[in-house]
Amino acid sequence: MHLRVELTSSITSPTVVLGSTPRPGLGRPGLWQRGLRPADDRHRHITVHAGRTQFTAHLDPVTATGGWQLERNHHRVTVERAGELLHDEVVQDSPLHTSIRDAVATLMGPGLVPPPDLNPLRRIAMLAEFLRAQQRSPEGQIRMQPA
């Protein structure tokens, strides 16, 4: 069997509508809506071709034929074989919900809780200090502001 993986990402091209019109009654009702937002200016999808079967994950933002759109943080997974749609599912993936679930699982899990990683805060503090040092007064001198 021939297997091929296709990754597509378009940030600056015009809207490209991918996939078929969502089937009525699939997934949770009310997920697909028209006119949620202006036309999407990007699309991202991952397609795996395995013989005559094609698995596609359409990543946020998702716009389908007919102007149907999903809310942000929703993705569409479809499976087609020989042009027939076999599976069509909407998956919600909120970064906030994922972070909270991971944090709760870590805190409530049987293992030791790792120490907090403060490196991102240190980088932010260094960047803030650098930007404060770059601010100039009207006379052209560098003006330091209190933190």
C-alpha atoms as a PDB file:
ATOM      1  CA  MET A   1       0.000   0.000   0.000  1.00  0.00           C
ATOM      2  CA  HIS A   2       1.279   3.447  -0.911  1.00  0.00           C
ATOM      3  CA  LEU A   3       1.277   5.961   1.977  1.00  0.00           C
ATOM      4  CA  ARG A   4       1.687   9.706   1.478  1.00  0.00           C
ATOM      5  CA  VAL A   5       1.430  12.585   3.994  1.00  0.00           C
ATOM      6  CA  GLU A   6       0.581  16.104   2.828  1.00  0.00           C
ATOM      7  CA  LEU A   7       0.966  19.186   5.055  1.00  0.00           C
ATOM      8  CA  THR A   8      -0.541  22.441   3.805  1.00  0.00           C
ATOM      9  CA  SER A   9      -0.436  25.874   5.398  1.00  0.00           C
ATOM     10  CA  SER A  10      -1.418  29.135   3.764  1.00  0.00           C
ATOM     11  CA  ILE A  11      -1.112  32.327   5.802  1.00  0.00           C
ATOM     12  CA  THR A  12      -1.370  35.111   3.224  1.00  0.00           C
ATOM     13  CA  SER A  13      -3.308  33.649   0.311  1.00  0.00           C
ATOM     14  CA  PRO A  14      -7.017  34.263  -0.238  1.00  0.00           C
ATOM     15  CA  THR A  15      -9.586  32.000   1.365  1.00  0.00           C
ATOM     16  CA  VAL A  16      -9.441  28.426   0.168  1.00  0.00           C
ATOM     17  CA  VAL A  17     -12.497  26.364   0.990  1.00  0.00           C
ATOM     18  CA  LEU A  18     -11.515  22.807   1.817  1.00  0.00           C
ATOM     19  CA  GLY A  19     -13.630  19.740   2.121  1.00  0.00           C
ATOM     20  CA  SER A  20     -17.240  18.993   1.485  1.00  0.00           C
ATOM     21  CA  THR A  21     -20.285  20.633   3.005  1.00  0.00           C
ATOM     22  CA  PRO A  22     -20.829  19.257   6.524  1.00  0.00           C
ATOM     23  CA  ARG A  23     -23.453  16.528   6.699  1.00  0.00           C
ATOM     24  CA  PRO A  24     -26.564  17.553   8.663  1.00  0.00           C
ATOM     25  CA  GLY A  25     -26.836  15.909  12.054  1.00  0.00           C
ATOM     26  CA  LEU A  26     -23.165  14.993  12.327  1.00  0.00           C
ATOM     27  CA  GLY A  27     -21.311  15.845  15.468  1.00  0.00           C
ATOM     28  CA  ARG A  28     -22.821  18.174  17.971  1.00  0.00           C
ATOM     29  CA  PRO A  29     -25.676  20.302  16.601  1.00  0.00           C
ATOM     30  CA  GLY A  30     -25.003  23.968  15.985  1.00  0.00           C
ATOM     31  CA  LEU A  31     -21.231  23.667  15.555  1.00  0.00           C
ATOM     32  CA  TRP A  32     -21.344  24.611  11.879  1.00  0.00           C
ATOM     33  CA  GLN A  33     -22.564  28.154  11.217  1.00  0.00           C
ATOM     34  CA  ARG A  34     -22.474  30.642   8.387  1.00  0.00           C
ATOM     35  CA  GLY A  35     -21.043  34.142   8.754  1.00  0.00           C
ATOM     36  CA  LEU A  36     -19.192  33.607  12.038  1.00  0.00           C
ATOM     37  CA  ARG A  37     -16.370  35.865  10.872  1.00  0.00           C
ATOM     38  CA  PRO A  38     -15.037  37.470   7.707  1.00  0.00           C
ATOM     39  CA  ALA A  39     -13.558  35.091   5.167  1.00  0.00           C
ATOM     40  CA  ASP A  40     -10.588  33.215   6.595  1.00  0.00           C
ATOM     41  CA  ASP A  41      -7.243  34.429   5.278  1.00  0.00           C
ATOM     42  CA  ARG A  42      -5.435  31.176   5.975  1.00  0.00           C
ATOM     43  CA  HIS A  43      -5.976  27.462   6.010  1.00  0.00           C
ATOM     44  CA  ARG A  44      -4.025  24.555   7.438  1.00  0.00           C
ATOM     45  CA  HIS A  45      -4.629  20.890   6.907  1.00  0.00           C
ATOM     46  CA  ILE A  46      -2.874  17.569   7.201  1.00  0.00           C
ATOM     47  CA  THR A  47      -3.848  14.803   4.808  1.00  0.00           C
ATOM     48  CA  VAL A  48      -2.735  11.188   4.914  1.00  0.00           C
ATOM     49  CA  HIS A  49      -3.311   9.204   1.726  1.00  0.00           C
ATOM     50  CA  ALA A  50      -3.345   5.435   2.307  1.00  0.00           C
ATOM     51  CA  GLY A  51      -4.319   3.617  -0.853  1.00  0.00           C
ATOM     52  CA  ARG A  52      -7.795   4.833  -1.829  1.00  0.00           C
ATOM     53  CA  THR A  53      -8.464   6.210   1.674  1.00  0.00           C
ATOM     54  CA  GLN A  54      -7.765   9.805   2.627  1.00  0.00           C
ATOM     55  CA  PHE A  55      -7.662  11.059   6.242  1.00  0.00           C
ATOM     56  CA  THR A  56      -7.747  14.859   6.602  1.00  0.00           C
ATOM     57  CA  ALA A  57      -7.471  17.106   9.651  1.00  0.00           C
ATOM     58  CA  HIS A  58      -8.600  20.645   8.819  1.00  0.00           C
ATOM     59  CA  LEU A  59      -7.073  22.880  11.494  1.00  0.00           C
ATOM     60  CA  ASP A  60      -8.546  26.116  12.878  1.00  0.00           C
ATOM     61  CA  PRO A  61      -9.820  28.266  11.177  1.00  0.00           C
ATOM     62  CA  VAL A  62     -12.131  25.886   9.317  1.00  0.00           C
ATOM     63  CA  THR A  63     -14.370  26.982   6.439  1.00  0.00           C
ATOM     64  CA  ALA A  64     -16.194  24.395   4.325  1.00  0.00           C
ATOM     65  CA  THR A  65     -18.104  24.578   1.061  1.00  0.00           C
ATOM     66  CA  GLY A  66     -21.147  26.841   1.212  1.00  0.00           C
ATOM     67  CA  GLY A  67     -19.539  29.266   3.686  1.00  0.00           C
ATOM     68  CA  TRP A  68     -19.975  26.947   6.674  1.00  0.00           C
ATOM     69  CA  GLN A  69     -17.506  27.763   9.461  1.00  0.00           C
ATOM     70  CA  LEU A  70     -16.482  26.398  12.831  1.00  0.00           C
ATOM     71  CA  GLU A  71     -15.759  28.526  15.884  1.00  0.00           C
ATOM     72  CA  ARG A  72     -12.128  29.082  16.817  1.00  0.00           C
ATOM     73  CA  ASN A  73     -10.314  26.160  18.503  1.00  0.00           C
ATOM     74  CA  HIS A  74     -12.432  23.648  16.544  1.00  0.00           C
ATOM     75  CA  HIS A  75     -10.971  21.315  13.931  1.00  0.00           C
ATOM     76  CA  ARG A  76     -12.572  18.986  11.393  1.00  0.00           C
ATOM     77  CA  VAL A  77     -11.455  15.395  10.817  1.00  0.00           C
ATOM     78  CA  THR A  78     -12.731  13.613   7.715  1.00  0.00           C
ATOM     79  CA  VAL A  79     -12.133  10.201   6.162  1.00  0.00           C
ATOM     80  CA  GLU A  80     -12.940   9.565   2.506  1.00  0.00           C
ATOM     81  CA  ARG A  81     -12.558   6.471   0.363  1.00  0.00           C
ATOM     82  CA  ALA A  82     -12.998   6.557  -3.392  1.00  0.00           C
ATOM     83  CA  GLY A  83     -14.807   9.910  -3.121  1.00  0.00           C
ATOM     84  CA  GLU A  84     -17.272   8.728  -0.447  1.00  0.00           C
ATOM     85  CA  LEU A  85     -17.264  10.479   2.933  1.00  0.00           C
ATOM     86  CA  LEU A  86     -16.968   7.777   5.617  1.00  0.00           C
ATOM     87  CA  HIS A  87     -16.307   9.882   8.713  1.00  0.00           C
ATOM     88  CA  ASP A  88     -16.828  13.572   9.524  1.00  0.00           C
ATOM     89  CA  GLU A  89     -16.115  14.789  13.048  1.00  0.00           C
ATOM     90  CA  VAL A  90     -15.524  18.125  14.776  1.00  0.00           C
ATOM     91  CA  VAL A  91     -12.903  18.150  17.525  1.00  0.00           C
ATOM     92  CA  GLN A  92     -12.650  20.970  20.063  1.00  0.00           C
ATOM     93  CA  ASP A  93      -9.117  21.803  21.189  1.00  0.00           C
ATOM     94  CA  SER A  94      -8.942  24.869  23.403  1.00  0.00           C
ATOM     95  CA  PRO A  95      -5.365  25.669  24.499  1.00  0.00           C
ATOM     96  CA  LEU A  96      -6.722  26.958  27.823  1.00  0.00           C
ATOM     97  CA  HIS A  97      -8.742  23.789  28.500  1.00  0.00           C
ATOM     98  CA  THR A  98      -5.790  21.607  27.501  1.00  0.00           C
ATOM     99  CA  SER A  99      -3.441  23.518  29.823  1.00  0.00           C
ATOM    100  CA  ILE A 100      -5.867  23.285  32.742  1.00  0.00           C
ATOM    101  CA  ARG A 101      -6.428  19.535  32.185  1.00  0.00           C
ATOM    102  CA  ASP A 102      -2.659  18.907  32.032  1.00  0.00           C
ATOM    103  CA  ALA A 103      -2.026  20.999  35.154  1.00  0.00           C
ATOM    104  CA  VAL A 104      -4.756  19.241  37.151  1.00  0.00           C
ATOM    105  CA  ALA A 105      -3.538  15.806  36.002  1.00  0.00           C
ATOM    106  CA  THR A 106       0.011  16.679  37.082  1.00  0.00           C
ATOM    107  CA  LEU A 107      -1.025  18.129  40.437  1.00  0.00           C
ATOM    108  CA  MET A 108      -3.423  15.281  41.256  1.00  0.00           C
ATOM    109  CA  GLY A 109      -1.256  12.501  39.809  1.00  0.00           C
ATOM    110  CA  PRO A 110       0.782   9.988  41.805  1.00  0.00           C
ATOM    111  CA  GLY A 111       4.185  11.415  40.842  1.00  0.00           C
ATOM    112  CA  LEU A 112       6.134  14.276  42.311  1.00  0.00           C
ATOM    113  CA  VAL A 113       5.107  17.732  41.171  1.00  0.00           C
ATOM    114  CA  PRO A 114       7.988  19.301  39.246  1.00  0.00           C
ATOM    115  CA  PRO A 115       9.231  22.719  40.350  1.00  0.00           C
ATOM    116  CA  PRO A 116       7.751  25.639  38.411  1.00  0.00           C
ATOM    117  CA  ASP A 117       9.637  26.626  35.265  1.00  0.00           C
ATOM    118  CA  LEU A 118      10.409  30.316  35.761  1.00  0.00           C
ATOM    119  CA  ASN A 119      12.563  30.673  32.639  1.00  0.00           C
ATOM    120  CA  PRO A 120       9.744  32.268  30.584  1.00  0.00           C
ATOM    121  CA  LEU A 121       9.224  34.868  33.340  1.00  0.00           C
ATOM    122  CA  ARG A 122      12.958  35.584  33.403  1.00  0.00           C
ATOM    123  CA  ARG A 123      12.961  36.098  29.627  1.00  0.00           C
ATOM    124  CA  ILE A 124       9.975  38.457  29.889  1.00  0.00           C
ATOM    125  CA  ALA A 125      11.704  40.427  32.677  1.00  0.00           C
ATOM    126  CA  MET A 126      14.907  40.713  30.599  1.00  0.00           C
ATOM    127  CA  LEU A 127      12.924  41.884  27.569  1.00  0.00           C
ATOM    128  CA  ALA A 128      11.020  44.435  29.671  1.00  0.00           C
ATOM    129  CA  GLU A 129      14.300  45.756  31.094  1.00  0.00           C
ATOM    130  CA  PHE A 130      15.770  46.030  27.595  1.00  0.00           C
ATOM    131  CA  LEU A 131      12.708  47.903  26.292  1.00  0.00           C
ATOM    132  CA  ARG A 132      12.707  50.261  29.261  1.00  0.00           C
ATOM    133  CA  ALA A 133      16.360  51.050  28.550  1.00  0.00           C
ATOM    134  CA  GLN A 134      15.483  51.820  24.918  1.00  0.00           C
ATOM    135  CA  GLN A 135      12.851  54.430  25.751  1.00  0.00           C
ATOM    136  CA  ARG A 136      14.110  57.909  25.005  1.00  0.00           C
ATOM    137  CA  SER A 137      13.101  61.264  26.418  1.00  0.00           C
ATOM    138  CA  PRO A 138      12.148  64.169  24.087  1.00  0.00           C
ATOM    139  CA  GLU A 139      15.746  65.430  24.412  1.00  0.00           C
ATOM    140  CA  GLY A 140      17.038  62.200  22.868  1.00  0.00           C
ATOM    141  CA  GLN A 141      18.468  60.770  26.075  1.00  0.00           C
ATOM    142  CA  ILE A 142      17.652  57.314  27.317  1.00  0.00           C
ATOM    143  CA  ARG A 143      15.066  57.530  30.045  1.00  0.00           C
ATOM    144  CA  MET A 144      14.890  54.752  32.621  1.00  0.00           C
ATOM    145  CA  GLN A 145      11.494  54.113  34.183  1.00  0.00           C
ATOM    146  CA  PRO A 146      10.959  52.367  37.493  1.00  0.00           C
ATOM    147  CA  ALA A 147       9.880  48.753  37.222  1.00  0.00           C
END
